[in-house]
C-alpha cells in the first residue's frame, strides 16, 4: 500500500496542480487521505484505478 504526495500524483498524471484540483471536484476522483492538518496523500492503487476508469470512458458524449 503505497501513499503518494501531490507532486507524485501530478507526475504520474501529467497534469497541473490547478487541473488536479478541478479533477478532485468530480465524484469519481480518487479520495485524499488526510494524515494531518497539512499532510495529504493518495493511494497509488486509487490513482491507477482512476486512470483505468478514465481510459474506458466514452468522451464523445
N, C-alpha and C. Protein backbone atom coordinates (compact mmCIF):
# COMPACT_ATOMS: atom_id res chain seq x y z
N UNK A 1 0.85 -1.17 0.00
CA UNK A 1 0.00 0.00 0.00
C UNK A 1 0.90 1.23 0.00
N UNK A 2 1.04 1.85 -1.16
CA UNK A 2 1.93 2.99 -1.31
C UNK A 2 1.13 4.29 -1.32
N UNK A 3 1.59 5.26 -0.52
CA UNK A 3 0.96 6.58 -0.48
C UNK A 3 1.78 7.55 -1.31
N UNK A 4 1.08 8.41 -2.06
CA UNK A 4 1.73 9.37 -2.94
C UNK A 4 1.49 10.80 -2.46
N UNK A 5 2.53 11.62 -2.58
CA UNK A 5 2.39 13.05 -2.35
C UNK A 5 1.76 13.66 -3.60
N UNK A 6 1.28 14.90 -3.45
CA UNK A 6 0.67 15.59 -4.58
C UNK A 6 1.63 15.66 -5.77
N UNK A 7 2.87 16.00 -5.51
CA UNK A 7 3.85 16.12 -6.59
C UNK A 7 4.00 14.81 -7.36
N UNK A 8 3.90 13.68 -6.67
CA UNK A 8 3.99 12.37 -7.32
C UNK A 8 2.75 12.10 -8.18
N UNK A 9 1.57 12.46 -7.66
CA UNK A 9 0.33 12.28 -8.42
C UNK A 9 0.40 13.10 -9.72
N UNK A 10 0.87 14.35 -9.60
CA UNK A 10 0.96 15.22 -10.77
C UNK A 10 1.92 14.66 -11.82
N UNK A 11 3.01 14.05 -11.37
CA UNK A 11 3.97 13.45 -12.30
C UNK A 11 3.37 12.25 -13.02
N UNK A 12 2.62 11.44 -12.30
CA UNK A 12 2.00 10.25 -12.89
C UNK A 12 0.96 10.65 -13.93
N UNK A 13 0.12 11.62 -13.58
CA UNK A 13 -0.99 12.00 -14.45
C UNK A 13 -0.62 13.04 -15.49
N UNK A 14 0.54 13.67 -15.34
CA UNK A 14 0.98 14.72 -16.25
C UNK A 14 -0.05 15.84 -16.36
N UNK A 15 -0.51 16.31 -15.21
CA UNK A 15 -1.46 17.43 -15.14
C UNK A 15 -0.90 18.49 -14.21
N UNK A 16 -1.43 19.70 -14.33
CA UNK A 16 -1.02 20.79 -13.45
C UNK A 16 -1.75 20.66 -12.11
N UNK A 17 -1.26 21.39 -11.14
CA UNK A 17 -1.90 21.38 -9.82
C UNK A 17 -3.33 21.91 -9.91
N UNK A 18 -3.55 22.98 -10.67
CA UNK A 18 -4.90 23.54 -10.78
C UNK A 18 -5.85 22.55 -11.46
N UNK A 19 -5.36 21.83 -12.47
CA UNK A 19 -6.21 20.83 -13.12
C UNK A 19 -6.53 19.68 -12.16
N UNK A 20 -5.56 19.29 -11.36
CA UNK A 20 -5.79 18.22 -10.39
C UNK A 20 -6.89 18.62 -9.40
N UNK A 21 -6.87 19.88 -8.96
CA UNK A 21 -7.91 20.32 -8.02
C UNK A 21 -9.28 20.34 -8.68
N UNK A 22 -9.34 20.61 -9.98
CA UNK A 22 -10.62 20.51 -10.69
C UNK A 22 -11.08 19.05 -10.76
N UNK A 23 -10.13 18.16 -11.00
CA UNK A 23 -10.46 16.72 -11.02
C UNK A 23 -11.01 16.30 -9.67
N UNK A 24 -10.45 16.81 -8.60
CA UNK A 24 -10.87 16.44 -7.25
C UNK A 24 -12.31 16.84 -6.95
N UNK A 25 -12.87 17.76 -7.71
CA UNK A 25 -14.26 18.17 -7.53
C UNK A 25 -15.23 17.14 -8.08
N UNK A 26 -14.76 16.22 -8.92
CA UNK A 26 -15.61 15.20 -9.52
C UNK A 26 -15.90 14.09 -8.52
N UNK A 27 -17.10 13.52 -8.56
CA UNK A 27 -17.45 12.48 -7.58
C UNK A 27 -16.64 11.19 -7.70
N UNK A 28 -16.10 10.91 -8.89
CA UNK A 28 -15.34 9.66 -9.07
C UNK A 28 -13.84 9.85 -8.90
N UNK A 29 -13.41 11.02 -8.45
CA UNK A 29 -11.98 11.31 -8.28
C UNK A 29 -11.42 10.51 -7.11
N UNK A 30 -10.14 10.16 -7.18
CA UNK A 30 -9.50 9.46 -6.05
C UNK A 30 -9.59 10.32 -4.78
N UNK A 31 -9.98 9.70 -3.70
CA UNK A 31 -10.15 10.42 -2.44
C UNK A 31 -8.81 10.59 -1.73
N UNK A 32 -8.56 11.79 -1.22
CA UNK A 32 -7.32 12.02 -0.49
C UNK A 32 -7.36 11.39 0.90
N UNK A 33 -6.20 11.06 1.41
CA UNK A 33 -6.04 10.54 2.77
C UNK A 33 -5.40 11.65 3.59
N UNK A 34 -6.10 12.16 4.57
CA UNK A 34 -5.56 13.23 5.41
C UNK A 34 -4.80 12.62 6.58
N UNK A 35 -3.51 12.90 6.62
CA UNK A 35 -2.66 12.38 7.69
C UNK A 35 -2.40 13.42 8.77
N UNK A 36 -2.77 14.64 8.51
CA UNK A 36 -2.57 15.73 9.45
C UNK A 36 -3.19 16.98 8.87
N UNK A 37 -3.10 18.10 9.58
CA UNK A 37 -3.73 19.33 9.10
C UNK A 37 -3.16 19.84 7.78
N UNK A 38 -1.90 19.54 7.49
CA UNK A 38 -1.28 20.00 6.25
C UNK A 38 -0.68 18.85 5.45
N UNK A 39 -1.07 17.64 5.76
CA UNK A 39 -0.49 16.47 5.10
C UNK A 39 -1.59 15.65 4.43
N UNK A 40 -1.51 15.56 3.10
CA UNK A 40 -2.50 14.81 2.32
C UNK A 40 -1.74 13.86 1.40
N UNK A 41 -2.24 12.64 1.27
CA UNK A 41 -1.65 11.64 0.38
C UNK A 41 -2.78 10.93 -0.37
N UNK A 42 -2.40 10.24 -1.42
CA UNK A 42 -3.33 9.41 -2.18
C UNK A 42 -2.73 8.03 -2.32
N UNK A 43 -3.60 7.01 -2.30
CA UNK A 43 -3.14 5.65 -2.53
C UNK A 43 -2.81 5.48 -4.01
N UNK A 44 -1.66 4.89 -4.29
CA UNK A 44 -1.26 4.63 -5.67
C UNK A 44 -2.32 3.79 -6.37
N UNK A 45 -2.85 2.78 -5.73
CA UNK A 45 -3.85 1.92 -6.38
C UNK A 45 -5.10 2.71 -6.76
N UNK A 46 -5.49 3.71 -5.94
CA UNK A 46 -6.65 4.53 -6.28
C UNK A 46 -6.38 5.38 -7.52
N UNK A 47 -5.17 5.91 -7.63
CA UNK A 47 -4.80 6.70 -8.81
C UNK A 47 -4.80 5.80 -10.05
N UNK A 48 -4.21 4.63 -9.94
CA UNK A 48 -4.16 3.70 -11.07
C UNK A 48 -5.56 3.27 -11.50
N UNK A 49 -6.44 2.99 -10.55
CA UNK A 49 -7.81 2.59 -10.88
C UNK A 49 -8.56 3.73 -11.55
N UNK A 50 -8.34 4.95 -11.07
CA UNK A 50 -9.00 6.11 -11.66
C UNK A 50 -8.55 6.31 -13.10
N UNK A 51 -7.26 6.14 -13.37
CA UNK A 51 -6.74 6.27 -14.73
C UNK A 51 -7.40 5.24 -15.65
N UNK A 52 -7.52 4.01 -15.18
CA UNK A 52 -8.16 2.97 -15.99
C UNK A 52 -9.62 3.30 -16.24
N UNK A 53 -10.30 3.83 -15.24
CA UNK A 53 -11.70 4.23 -15.40
C UNK A 53 -11.83 5.32 -16.45
N UNK A 54 -10.92 6.30 -16.42
CA UNK A 54 -10.96 7.40 -17.39
C UNK A 54 -10.67 6.88 -18.80
N UNK A 55 -9.78 5.93 -18.92
CA UNK A 55 -9.43 5.38 -20.22
C UNK A 55 -10.61 4.64 -20.85
N UNK A 56 -11.49 4.10 -20.02
CA UNK A 56 -12.62 3.34 -20.52
C UNK A 56 -13.86 4.19 -20.82
N UNK A 57 -13.81 5.47 -20.51
CA UNK A 57 -14.98 6.34 -20.74
C UNK A 57 -15.12 6.69 -22.21
N UNK A 58 -16.37 6.90 -22.62
CA UNK A 58 -16.66 7.37 -23.97
C UNK A 58 -16.71 8.89 -23.93
N UNK A 59 -15.67 9.55 -24.39
CA UNK A 59 -15.56 11.01 -24.31
C UNK A 59 -16.30 11.72 -25.43
N UNK A 60 -16.97 10.96 -26.30
CA UNK A 60 -17.71 11.55 -27.42
C UNK A 60 -19.07 12.08 -26.98
N UNK A 61 -19.52 11.67 -25.81
CA UNK A 61 -20.87 12.07 -25.34
C UNK A 61 -20.93 13.52 -25.02
